[in-house]
Protein backbone atom coordinates (compact mmCIF):
# COMPACT_ATOMS: atom_id res chain seq x y z
CA MET A 1 0.00 0.00 0.00
CA ARG A 2 1.05 3.60 -0.47
CA TYR A 3 2.43 5.04 2.79
CA ALA A 4 1.09 8.47 1.98
CA PHE A 5 -2.45 7.12 2.05
CA LEU A 6 -2.18 5.44 5.43
CA LEU A 7 -4.69 7.84 6.90
CA GLY A 8 -5.39 10.57 4.41
CA ALA A 9 -6.44 14.08 5.26
CA ALA A 10 -8.73 13.25 8.16
CA LEU A 11 -6.04 14.13 10.68
CA ALA A 12 -4.37 16.89 8.72
CA LEU A 13 -5.19 19.51 11.34
CA ALA A 14 -3.25 17.71 14.05
CA THR A 15 -0.23 19.75 15.11
CA PRO A 16 3.30 18.39 14.56
CA ALA A 17 4.19 19.11 18.18
CA LEU A 18 1.52 16.66 19.28
CA ALA A 19 2.23 14.19 16.54
CA LEU A 20 5.88 13.63 17.25
CA ASP A 21 6.01 13.93 21.03
CA PRO A 22 7.42 10.65 22.39
CA SER A 23 6.74 11.59 26.02
CA VAL A 24 3.49 9.64 26.13
CA LEU A 25 5.25 6.39 25.22
CA PRO A 26 6.69 3.96 27.76
CA ARG A 27 10.25 5.02 28.47
CA ASP A 28 11.55 1.46 28.52
CA LEU A 29 10.08 0.53 25.14
CA ALA A 30 12.74 0.12 22.48
CA VAL A 31 12.81 -1.80 19.21
CA PRO A 32 16.34 -2.55 18.05
CA PRO A 33 16.27 -3.20 14.29
CA GLU A 34 17.47 -6.77 14.80
CA ALA A 35 14.77 -7.61 17.35
CA ALA A 36 12.58 -10.59 16.46
CA THR A 37 12.28 -13.81 18.43
CA ALA A 38 10.30 -16.99 17.95
CA ASP A 39 9.08 -16.99 21.55
CA ALA A 40 7.63 -13.46 21.42
CA PRO A 41 3.91 -13.13 22.18
CA GLN A 42 1.75 -13.58 19.09
CA SER A 43 -1.07 -11.31 20.20
CA ALA A 44 -2.01 -8.74 22.80
CA THR A 45 -5.74 -8.43 22.23
CA TYR A 46 -8.18 -6.49 24.36
CA ARG A 47 -11.90 -5.81 24.57
CA PRO A 48 -12.41 -2.05 24.09
CA ASP A 49 -14.05 -0.14 26.93
CA PRO A 50 -15.27 3.49 26.56
CA ALA A 51 -14.14 4.23 30.11
CA VAL A 52 -10.59 3.28 29.18
CA ARG A 53 -10.67 5.63 26.21
CA ARG A 54 -11.82 8.46 28.46
CA ARG A 55 -8.88 7.77 30.76
CA LEU A 56 -6.54 7.69 27.77
CA ALA A 57 -7.91 11.07 26.66
CA ASP A 58 -6.88 12.49 30.04
CA ILE A 59 -3.40 10.99 29.75
CA MET A 60 -2.75 12.20 26.21
CA ALA A 61 -4.27 15.61 26.83
CA GLU A 62 -1.95 16.04 29.80
CA GLY A 63 1.01 15.19 27.57
CA ALA A 64 -0.17 17.71 24.97
CA ALA A 65 -0.77 20.45 27.55
CA LYS A 66 2.91 21.41 27.49
CA GLU A 67 2.18 22.93 24.06
CA GLY A 68 -0.79 24.90 25.40
CA PRO A 69 -4.45 24.53 26.40
CA ALA A 70 -5.68 24.55 22.81
CA GLN A 71 -3.46 21.60 21.93
CA ALA A 72 -4.60 19.74 25.04
CA ALA A 73 -8.25 20.27 24.09
CA GLU A 74 -7.54 19.20 20.51
CA MET A 75 -5.88 16.00 21.67
CA ARG A 76 -8.67 15.20 24.13
CA GLN A 77 -11.30 15.59 21.42
CA LEU A 78 -9.30 13.50 18.95
CA VAL A 79 -9.03 10.64 21.43
CA LEU A 80 -12.63 10.80 22.63
CA SER A 81 -14.03 10.96 19.10
CA GLY A 82 -12.38 7.65 18.21
CA GLN A 83 -11.52 9.16 14.82
CA ALA A 84 -7.87 8.14 14.83
CA VAL A 85 -8.58 4.58 15.96
CA ARG A 86 -11.24 4.21 13.26
CA GLN A 87 -8.79 5.44 10.66
CA TYR A 88 -6.26 2.89 11.86
CA GLU A 89 -8.89 0.16 11.65
CA ARG A 90 -9.62 1.07 8.02
CA VAL A 91 -5.97 0.83 7.08
CA ALA A 92 -4.90 -2.12 9.25
CA PRO A 93 -6.24 -4.93 7.01
CA ARG A 94 -4.14 -3.70 4.08
CA LEU A 95 -1.05 -4.16 6.23
CA GLY A 96 -2.22 -7.49 7.64
CA TYR A 97 -2.81 -5.88 11.04
CA ARG A 98 -5.83 -6.21 13.30
CA ALA A 99 -8.02 -4.01 15.45
CA ASN A 100 -7.90 -4.26 19.24
CA ASP A 101 -4.39 -5.67 19.45
CA ALA A 102 -1.62 -3.74 21.16
CA ILE A 103 1.16 -5.43 19.18
CA ASP A 104 -0.43 -4.43 15.89
CA GLY A 105 -0.80 -0.89 17.23
CA LEU A 106 2.90 -0.80 18.07
CA ALA A 107 3.86 -2.12 14.63
CA PHE A 108 1.71 0.53 12.96
CA TYR A 109 3.28 3.26 15.09
CA LEU A 110 6.78 2.08 14.21
CA LEU A 111 5.98 2.17 10.50
CA ALA A 112 4.56 5.69 10.82
CA GLN A 113 7.48 7.01 12.88
CA TRP A 114 10.08 5.46 10.58
CA GLY A 115 8.18 6.57 7.49
CA VAL A 116 8.08 10.22 8.51
CA ALA A 117 11.71 10.17 9.65
CA ASN A 118 12.71 8.99 6.17
CA ASP A 119 10.03 10.88 4.21
CA HIS A 120 9.08 7.45 2.87
CA ARG A 121 6.64 7.47 -0.06
CA PRO A 122 6.77 4.08 -1.83
CA ASP A 123 4.35 1.27 -1.14
CA ILE A 124 4.72 -0.68 2.09
CA THR A 125 4.14 -4.34 1.33
CA ARG A 126 2.38 -6.83 3.54
CA ALA A 127 5.65 -8.76 3.82
CA GLN A 128 7.43 -5.68 5.14
CA ALA A 129 4.57 -4.96 7.53
CA ALA A 130 4.68 -8.56 8.76
CA GLY A 131 8.42 -8.28 9.41
CA VAL A 132 7.87 -5.15 11.49
CA ARG A 133 5.09 -6.85 13.42
CA ARG A 134 7.44 -9.66 14.41
CA GLN A 135 9.85 -7.08 15.74
CA ALA A 136 7.02 -5.28 17.52
CA ALA A 137 6.02 -8.54 19.20
CA ALA A 138 9.56 -8.98 20.51
CA ALA A 139 9.58 -5.41 21.81
CA PHE A 140 6.16 -5.81 23.40
CA ALA A 141 7.51 -8.71 25.44
CA SER A 142 9.63 -6.18 27.36
CA VAL A 143 6.55 -4.30 28.59
CA ALA A 144 3.97 -7.10 28.62
CA ASP A 145 3.99 -7.39 32.40
CA GLN A 146 3.14 -3.67 32.62
CA VAL A 147 0.07 -4.07 30.40
CA ALA A 148 -1.31 -7.34 31.72
CA THR A 149 -5.01 -6.40 31.69
CA ASP A 150 -7.50 -5.59 28.94
CA ALA A 151 -7.67 -1.98 30.12
CA LEU A 152 -3.92 -1.45 30.09
CA ARG A 153 -3.49 -3.14 26.72
CA GLN A 154 -6.20 -0.88 25.32
CA GLU A 155 -4.51 2.23 26.70
CA PHE A 156 -1.18 1.12 25.27
CA GLY A 157 -2.52 -0.01 21.89
CA GLU A 158 -4.82 2.94 21.25
CA MET A 159 -2.17 5.43 22.35
CA LEU A 160 0.12 4.03 19.66
CA MET A 161 -2.62 3.87 17.03
CA ILE A 162 -3.53 7.49 17.71
CA GLN A 163 0.08 8.70 17.69
CA GLY A 164 0.73 6.80 14.46
CA ALA A 165 -2.43 8.21 12.91
CA ILE A 166 -1.47 11.77 13.72
CA ILE A 167 2.06 11.30 12.43
CA ALA A 168 0.85 9.77 9.17
CA GLY A 169 -1.86 12.41 8.78
CA THR A 170 0.48 15.36 9.17
CA HIS A 171 2.95 13.77 6.76
CA GLU A 172 0.18 13.16 4.24
CA ALA A 173 -1.01 16.77 4.47
CA ALA A 174 2.49 18.08 3.80
CA LEU A 175 2.93 15.67 0.89
CA ARG A 176 -0.31 16.78 -0.73
CA ALA A 177 0.66 20.42 -0.25
CA GLY A 178 4.08 19.82 -1.81
CA ASP A 179 5.63 21.47 1.24
CA GLN A 180 9.17 20.10 1.35
CA ALA A 181 10.27 22.44 4.13
CA THR A 182 7.56 21.05 6.40
CA LEU A 183 8.41 17.49 5.38
CA ASP A 184 12.03 18.14 6.30
CA ARG A 185 10.96 19.55 9.66
CA TYR A 186 8.72 16.56 10.38
CA ALA A 187 11.54 14.20 9.41
CA ALA A 188 13.94 15.89 11.82
CA MET A 189 11.40 15.67 14.66
CA ALA A 190 10.62 12.03 13.91
CA ARG A 191 14.31 11.16 13.78
CA GLU A 192 14.83 12.73 17.19
CA GLY A 193 11.95 10.77 18.73
CA GLY A 194 12.89 7.66 16.80
CA HIS A 195 16.25 7.33 18.52
CA GLN A 196 14.44 6.14 21.64
CA LEU A 197 12.35 3.64 19.72
CA PHE A 198 14.97 2.17 17.43
CA GLN A 199 18.12 2.62 19.51
CA ALA A 200 19.57 4.14 16.36
CA ASP A 201 18.99 7.02 13.98
CA PRO A 202 15.90 6.00 11.94
CA ALA A 203 17.66 7.39 8.86
CA ASP A 204 20.24 4.63 9.25
CA ILE A 205 17.54 1.95 9.10
CA ILE A 206 15.90 0.41 6.05
CA LEU A 207 12.61 -1.47 5.71
CA THR A 208 12.80 -5.04 4.38
CA ASP A 209 10.66 -8.18 4.32
CA GLN A 210 12.36 -9.10 7.61
CA GLY A 211 11.38 -5.77 9.10
CA PHE A 212 13.76 -2.97 10.01
CA ARG A 213 17.45 -3.50 9.36
CA ARG A 214 20.51 -1.30 9.78
CA ARG A 215 22.05 -0.06 6.55
């Protein structure tokens, strides 16, 4: 599928400061490009609960508040509306990903973060997406004991789906506008945040059928 059409213009009004802020992610979550193990969990499903989404809206709005009250209100509304999660759910089948699974949400977020960091525009194949999911499963194992309930898996998974949706949406809007300066700025922000996720500069990582690999 075409990366640029991951989520379309629905999230184009989301601000880059919110989109690329890694502070709402678990600090001990990292996905080295080589990570993938046979004994990693195969799923991290959850049953969605509206009360959990309301709590997540509080968490993400608090993270966005550092940019100002308007950004906090925007983030709260985005989470409560379910718009970003619905957009993810429309796209997920094309990647071979599923709804209501925290590992799939993490894999989607990784693709979005890496894609913006590299201003990636070609198609992402299902084989590449599957490789990234295997790596995401291995990374999820490091935080699985922290998200051992349906509610916590939903918070974790939807947080990543929403962050990925915003990142992809802002990138798409800049692509459609032909705004290279903004694309360069987004890439720099995503590279900075991506160091934590990938334990390397995302620009030094390529996407293959085995997932992410160092150049």
